[in-house]
Every structure is written in structure tokens, then in C-alpha cells.
Amino acid sequence: QGQLVESGGDLVQPGGSLTLSCKASGFTLDDTAITWIRQAPGKKREMVAAITTGGTSDYADFVEGRFTVSRDNARNMVYLQMNDLKFEDAAVYYCATVYNGGWIWGQGTQVTVSG
């Protein structure tokens, strides 16, 4: 059974940095694109970044060059490096992909921006 597990969320001050990780089990990530999505309380889910099997990345406009998505196929991991975090970046961050014809998501990791 395919599964995704996110980690790396934390409490940071505005302007701080975090790196989120997404680890896959039960399947190999190099066969699939991965999308990072976030959801803040009371707000809709929004795409943050995505990376294709070939390593091409795409970002939401609000990222404004602050985030970088990358993948390490040897480790079956995808990362989201986030710099210059803002109050509005606070949310639960999820990684998701298509597996066996349907979307699977991790449980999410909480990013809190405060201070």
C-alpha cells in the first residue's frame, strides 16, 4: 500500500526558514510527480509547489521565489525548502501524488509562523 509521510514542520519567526520532507513508502517516487499543498484554518487548500518525474518544478504565485521543491529519488524523498517565511505561510502542509489511479496524501505537517 502506497503511503506518504510529511515531516519538518515547526514554529518559526517571520523571515525564518524550514525544510519540509515527504517520504514515500510502498512505491517509488521517481515514477510520479509530487505536489505540495497547504491549508490554513478557515481557508481553502492551495497548491504550493509541484515537481515532475523529470525534476521540472512549478510554484504558486505567492511563493515569489522563496520556496524550492526538490527530489531525491535514491532516498524516495521530496523536499520543500521554504525561506523568508511570512505570517500568511502558516498552514498544514501536505504532499500528494497519484497512486493506483487515485490521489494519496500524507497526514500533513504543521508550519507555524509567529513572533
N, C-alpha and C. Protein backbone atom coordinates (compact mmCIF):
# COMPACT_ATOMS: atom_id res chain seq x y z
N GLN A 1 0.84 -1.19 0.00
CA GLN A 1 0.00 0.00 0.00
C GLN A 1 0.88 1.24 0.00
N GLY A 2 0.64 2.14 -0.95
CA GLY A 2 1.43 3.35 -1.02
C GLY A 2 1.06 4.31 0.09
N GLN A 3 2.09 5.00 0.59
CA GLN A 3 1.88 5.95 1.68
C GLN A 3 2.87 7.10 1.57
N LEU A 4 2.43 8.27 1.99
CA LEU A 4 3.30 9.45 2.06
C LEU A 4 3.31 9.94 3.50
N VAL A 5 4.48 10.35 3.95
CA VAL A 5 4.61 10.88 5.30
C VAL A 5 5.42 12.17 5.26
N GLU A 6 4.81 13.26 5.72
CA GLU A 6 5.50 14.54 5.76
C GLU A 6 6.13 14.75 7.14
N SER A 7 7.16 15.56 7.14
CA SER A 7 7.81 15.95 8.40
C SER A 7 8.53 17.27 8.19
N GLY A 8 8.96 17.86 9.29
CA GLY A 8 9.76 19.07 9.22
C GLY A 8 9.04 20.34 9.62
N GLY A 9 7.72 20.26 9.82
CA GLY A 9 7.01 21.45 10.25
C GLY A 9 7.45 21.89 11.64
N ASP A 10 7.36 23.19 11.87
CA ASP A 10 7.84 23.71 13.17
C ASP A 10 7.30 25.13 13.35
N LEU A 11 7.63 25.70 14.49
CA LEU A 11 7.33 27.10 14.78
C LEU A 11 8.56 27.92 14.40
N VAL A 12 8.35 28.92 13.56
CA VAL A 12 9.45 29.80 13.15
C VAL A 12 9.00 31.24 13.22
N GLN A 13 9.97 32.12 13.29
CA GLN A 13 9.67 33.55 13.25
C GLN A 13 9.58 34.02 11.81
N PRO A 14 8.89 35.12 11.57
CA PRO A 14 8.87 35.68 10.21
C PRO A 14 10.29 35.90 9.71
N GLY A 15 10.50 35.55 8.44
CA GLY A 15 11.84 35.63 7.88
C GLY A 15 12.65 34.37 8.05
N GLY A 16 12.16 33.44 8.83
CA GLY A 16 12.87 32.19 9.06
C GLY A 16 12.73 31.21 7.92
N SER A 17 13.38 30.05 8.09
CA SER A 17 13.39 29.02 7.06
C SER A 17 13.03 27.66 7.65
N LEU A 18 12.47 26.84 6.81
CA LEU A 18 12.18 25.45 7.16
C LEU A 18 12.34 24.60 5.92
N THR A 19 12.68 23.34 6.14
CA THR A 19 12.66 22.37 5.05
C THR A 19 11.70 21.25 5.42
N LEU A 20 10.69 21.09 4.60
CA LEU A 20 9.73 20.01 4.79
C LEU A 20 10.16 18.81 3.95
N SER A 21 9.89 17.63 4.49
CA SER A 21 10.22 16.39 3.80
C SER A 21 8.97 15.58 3.55
N CYS A 22 8.99 14.84 2.47
CA CYS A 22 7.89 13.95 2.12
C CYS A 22 8.52 12.61 1.73
N LYS A 23 8.24 11.60 2.52
CA LYS A 23 8.82 10.29 2.25
C LYS A 23 7.74 9.34 1.77
N ALA A 24 8.03 8.62 0.72
CA ALA A 24 7.10 7.64 0.18
C ALA A 24 7.48 6.24 0.62
N SER A 25 6.48 5.44 0.84
CA SER A 25 6.71 4.02 1.10
C SER A 25 5.69 3.21 0.30
N GLY A 26 6.09 2.03 -0.11
CA GLY A 26 5.19 1.17 -0.88
C GLY A 26 5.20 1.44 -2.36
N PHE A 27 5.92 2.47 -2.78
CA PHE A 27 6.07 2.75 -4.21
C PHE A 27 7.27 3.67 -4.37
N THR A 28 7.73 3.80 -5.62
CA THR A 28 8.90 4.64 -5.86
C THR A 28 8.46 5.99 -6.38
N LEU A 29 9.02 7.03 -5.77
CA LEU A 29 8.65 8.39 -6.14
C LEU A 29 9.14 8.77 -7.53
N ASP A 30 10.16 8.11 -8.03
CA ASP A 30 10.70 8.54 -9.32
C ASP A 30 9.75 8.25 -10.48
N ASP A 31 8.67 7.54 -10.21
CA ASP A 31 7.67 7.27 -11.25
C ASP A 31 6.53 8.27 -11.25
N THR A 32 6.58 9.26 -10.37
CA THR A 32 5.40 10.10 -10.21
C THR A 32 5.77 11.55 -9.88
N ALA A 33 4.89 12.45 -10.26
CA ALA A 33 5.04 13.84 -9.84
C ALA A 33 4.50 14.00 -8.42
N ILE A 34 5.03 14.96 -7.71
CA ILE A 34 4.61 15.23 -6.34
C ILE A 34 4.17 16.69 -6.23
N THR A 35 3.08 16.90 -5.53
CA THR A 35 2.57 18.25 -5.30
C THR A 35 2.57 18.54 -3.81
N TRP A 36 3.01 19.74 -3.45
CA TRP A 36 2.87 20.24 -2.08
C TRP A 36 1.64 21.15 -2.05
N ILE A 37 0.81 20.93 -1.07
CA ILE A 37 -0.44 21.67 -0.91
C ILE A 37 -0.51 22.12 0.54
N ARG A 38 -1.13 23.25 0.78
CA ARG A 38 -1.27 23.70 2.16
C ARG A 38 -2.70 24.13 2.42
N GLN A 39 -3.03 24.09 3.70
CA GLN A 39 -4.35 24.56 4.12
C GLN A 39 -4.24 25.23 5.47
N ALA A 40 -4.64 26.48 5.51
CA ALA A 40 -4.68 27.23 6.76
C ALA A 40 -6.10 27.17 7.32
N PRO A 41 -6.25 27.35 8.62
CA PRO A 41 -7.59 27.31 9.23
C PRO A 41 -8.54 28.30 8.56
N GLY A 42 -9.70 27.81 8.17
CA GLY A 42 -10.71 28.67 7.57
C GLY A 42 -10.45 29.04 6.13
N LYS A 43 -9.40 28.50 5.55
CA LYS A 43 -9.08 28.82 4.15
C LYS A 43 -9.12 27.58 3.29
N LYS A 44 -9.20 27.80 1.99
CA LYS A 44 -9.20 26.68 1.04
C LYS A 44 -7.79 26.10 0.90
N ARG A 45 -7.74 24.85 0.50
CA ARG A 45 -6.45 24.26 0.14
C ARG A 45 -5.88 25.00 -1.06
N GLU A 46 -4.57 25.14 -1.09
CA GLU A 46 -3.94 25.77 -2.24
C GLU A 46 -2.64 25.06 -2.59
N MET A 47 -2.41 24.94 -3.87
CA MET A 47 -1.17 24.33 -4.34
C MET A 47 -0.03 25.27 -4.00
N VAL A 48 1.05 24.69 -3.53
CA VAL A 48 2.24 25.46 -3.20
C VAL A 48 3.32 25.27 -4.26
N ALA A 49 3.61 24.00 -4.54
CA ALA A 49 4.67 23.69 -5.49
C ALA A 49 4.47 22.27 -5.99
N ALA A 50 5.05 22.00 -7.14
CA ALA A 50 4.98 20.65 -7.70
C ALA A 50 6.27 20.35 -8.42
N ILE A 51 6.60 19.08 -8.48
CA ILE A 51 7.80 18.67 -9.20
C ILE A 51 7.49 17.42 -10.00
N THR A 52 7.91 17.43 -11.26
CA THR A 52 7.63 16.31 -12.16
C THR A 52 8.66 15.20 -11.98
N THR A 53 8.43 14.10 -12.67
CA THR A 53 9.39 13.00 -12.62
C THR A 53 10.74 13.43 -13.17
N GLY A 54 10.73 14.36 -14.11
CA GLY A 54 11.98 14.83 -14.69
C GLY A 54 12.65 15.94 -13.91
N GLY A 55 12.01 16.37 -12.81
CA GLY A 55 12.61 17.40 -11.98
C GLY A 55 12.16 18.81 -12.29
N THR A 56 11.25 18.97 -13.23
CA THR A 56 10.72 20.31 -13.53
C THR A 56 9.80 20.74 -12.40
N SER A 57 9.95 21.98 -11.96
CA SER A 57 9.17 22.45 -10.82
C SER A 57 8.23 23.59 -11.24
N ASP A 58 7.19 23.72 -10.45
CA ASP A 58 6.21 24.77 -10.67
C ASP A 58 5.79 25.30 -9.30
N TYR A 59 5.50 26.58 -9.24
CA TYR A 59 5.19 27.21 -7.95
C TYR A 59 3.97 28.11 -8.05
N ALA A 60 3.28 28.23 -6.95
CA ALA A 60 2.20 29.20 -6.86
C ALA A 60 2.78 30.61 -6.89
N ASP A 61 1.97 31.55 -7.34
CA ASP A 61 2.45 32.93 -7.44
C ASP A 61 2.90 33.48 -6.09
N PHE A 62 2.23 33.07 -5.03
CA PHE A 62 2.55 33.66 -3.72
C PHE A 62 3.91 33.20 -3.20
N VAL A 63 4.50 32.19 -3.82
CA VAL A 63 5.82 31.73 -3.39
C VAL A 63 6.88 32.81 -3.66
N GLU A 64 6.77 33.47 -4.78
CA GLU A 64 7.63 34.63 -5.10
C GLU A 64 9.11 34.31 -4.93
N GLY A 65 9.52 33.12 -5.34
CA GLY A 65 10.94 32.77 -5.31
C GLY A 65 11.47 32.36 -3.96
N ARG A 66 10.61 32.25 -2.97
CA ARG A 66 11.07 31.94 -1.61
C ARG A 66 11.22 30.44 -1.35
N PHE A 67 10.51 29.62 -2.09
CA PHE A 67 10.48 28.17 -1.85
C PHE A 67 11.16 27.44 -3.00
N THR A 68 11.74 26.28 -2.67
CA THR A 68 12.33 25.41 -3.68
C THR A 68 11.91 23.97 -3.42
N VAL A 69 11.35 23.34 -4.43
CA VAL A 69 10.97 21.93 -4.32
C VAL A 69 12.05 21.10 -5.01
N SER A 70 12.39 19.98 -4.40
CA SER A 70 13.42 19.12 -4.97
C SER A 70 13.09 17.67 -4.65
N ARG A 71 13.76 16.77 -5.33
CA ARG A 71 13.51 15.36 -5.07
C ARG A 71 14.81 14.60 -5.01
N ASP A 72 14.82 13.56 -4.18
CA ASP A 72 15.95 12.66 -4.08
C ASP A 72 15.39 11.26 -4.30
N ASN A 73 15.43 10.82 -5.53
CA ASN A 73 14.82 9.53 -5.87
C ASN A 73 15.51 8.37 -5.17
N ALA A 74 16.79 8.50 -4.94
CA ALA A 74 17.52 7.41 -4.27
C ALA A 74 17.00 7.19 -2.85
N ARG A 75 16.56 8.26 -2.22
CA ARG A 75 16.02 8.16 -0.87
C ARG A 75 14.50 8.11 -0.85
N ASN A 76 13.89 8.19 -2.03
CA ASN A 76 12.43 8.19 -2.12
C ASN A 76 11.82 9.35 -1.36
N MET A 77 12.44 10.52 -1.50
CA MET A 77 12.04 11.69 -0.75
C MET A 77 11.84 12.89 -1.68
N VAL A 78 10.94 13.76 -1.28
CA VAL A 78 10.77 15.07 -1.91
C VAL A 78 10.84 16.11 -0.80
N TYR A 79 11.42 17.24 -1.12
CA TYR A 79 11.63 18.29 -0.11
C TYR A 79 10.99 19.60 -0.57
N LEU A 80 10.66 20.41 0.41
CA LEU A 80 10.22 21.77 0.14
C LEU A 80 11.02 22.69 1.06
N GLN A 81 11.98 23.37 0.47
CA GLN A 81 12.78 24.34 1.21
C GLN A 81 12.03 25.66 1.19
N MET A 82 11.76 26.20 2.37
CA MET A 82 11.00 27.45 2.47
C MET A 82 11.83 28.49 3.19
N ASN A 83 12.06 29.59 2.52
CA ASN A 83 12.83 30.70 3.09
C ASN A 83 11.95 31.93 3.22
N ASP A 84 12.41 32.86 4.05
CA ASP A 84 11.70 34.14 4.22
C ASP A 84 10.21 33.91 4.50
N LEU A 85 9.95 33.06 5.48
CA LEU A 85 8.56 32.72 5.78
C LEU A 85 7.80 33.92 6.32
N LYS A 86 6.53 33.98 5.93
CA LYS A 86 5.66 35.07 6.32
C LYS A 86 4.53 34.53 7.20
N PHE A 87 3.85 35.44 7.91
CA PHE A 87 2.72 35.01 8.74
C PHE A 87 1.72 34.21 7.91
N GLU A 88 1.49 34.65 6.69
CA GLU A 88 0.48 34.00 5.85
C GLU A 88 0.91 32.64 5.33
N ASP A 89 2.14 32.22 5.57
CA ASP A 89 2.58 30.87 5.18
C ASP A 89 2.19 29.82 6.23
N ALA A 90 1.70 30.25 7.35
CA ALA A 90 1.31 29.31 8.40
C ALA A 90 0.15 28.45 7.91
N ALA A 91 0.32 27.14 7.99
CA ALA A 91 -0.69 26.20 7.49
C ALA A 91 -0.22 24.79 7.77
N VAL A 92 -1.10 23.84 7.51
CA VAL A 92 -0.69 22.44 7.45
C VAL A 92 -0.28 22.17 6.00
N TYR A 93 0.91 21.63 5.84
CA TYR A 93 1.45 21.33 4.52
C TYR A 93 1.37 19.83 4.25
N TYR A 94 0.87 19.52 3.08
CA TYR A 94 0.71 18.14 2.67
C TYR A 94 1.48 17.88 1.37
N CYS A 95 1.98 16.66 1.22
CA CYS A 95 2.44 16.23 -0.10
C CYS A 95 1.42 15.22 -0.62
N ALA A 96 1.28 15.21 -1.94
CA ALA A 96 0.26 14.36 -2.54
C ALA A 96 0.75 13.91 -3.91
N THR A 97 0.22 12.76 -4.33
CA THR A 97 0.55 12.24 -5.64
C THR A 97 -0.54 11.30 -6.11
N VAL A 98 -0.50 10.97 -7.37
CA VAL A 98 -1.43 9.99 -7.92
C VAL A 98 -0.82 8.60 -7.78
N TYR A 99 -1.54 7.71 -7.18
CA TYR A 99 -1.07 6.35 -6.94
C TYR A 99 -2.22 5.39 -7.20
N ASN A 100 -1.97 4.41 -8.05
CA ASN A 100 -3.01 3.43 -8.38
C ASN A 100 -4.31 4.07 -8.84
N GLY A 101 -4.18 5.14 -9.62
CA GLY A 101 -5.34 5.76 -10.22
C GLY A 101 -6.06 6.76 -9.35
N GLY A 102 -5.58 6.99 -8.14
CA GLY A 102 -6.22 7.96 -7.27
C GLY A 102 -5.20 8.77 -6.50
N TRP A 103 -5.62 9.87 -5.93
CA TRP A 103 -4.70 10.73 -5.18
C TRP A 103 -4.50 10.15 -3.78
N ILE A 104 -3.26 10.19 -3.33
CA ILE A 104 -2.99 9.89 -1.93
C ILE A 104 -2.27 11.08 -1.31
N TRP A 105 -2.53 11.30 -0.04
CA TRP A 105 -1.98 12.42 0.71
C TRP A 105 -1.30 11.88 1.96
N GLY A 106 -0.36 12.64 2.46
CA GLY A 106 0.18 12.35 3.77
C GLY A 106 -0.73 12.93 4.84
N GLN A 107 -0.30 12.81 6.07
CA GLN A 107 -1.10 13.31 7.19
C GLN A 107 -0.90 14.80 7.42
N GLY A 108 0.11 15.37 6.80
CA GLY A 108 0.38 16.79 6.92
C GLY A 108 1.38 17.11 8.01
N THR A 109 2.02 18.26 7.87
CA THR A 109 2.95 18.74 8.88
C THR A 109 2.67 20.22 9.10
N GLN A 110 2.63 20.63 10.37
CA GLN A 110 2.19 21.98 10.73
C GLN A 110 3.35 22.97 10.66
N VAL A 111 3.11 24.04 9.95
CA VAL A 111 4.06 25.17 9.93
C VAL A 111 3.39 26.35 10.62
N THR A 112 4.03 26.84 11.66
CA THR A 112 3.52 27.98 12.39
C THR A 112 4.52 29.12 12.29
N VAL A 113 4.04 30.29 11.91
CA VAL A 113 4.90 31.47 11.81
C VAL A 113 4.41 32.48 12.83
N SER A 114 5.25 32.75 13.79
CA SER A 114 4.83 33.62 14.88
C SER A 114 6.03 34.33 15.47
N GLY A 115 5.78 35.45 16.07
CA GLY A 115 6.85 36.19 16.72
C GLY A 115 6.93 37.59 16.21
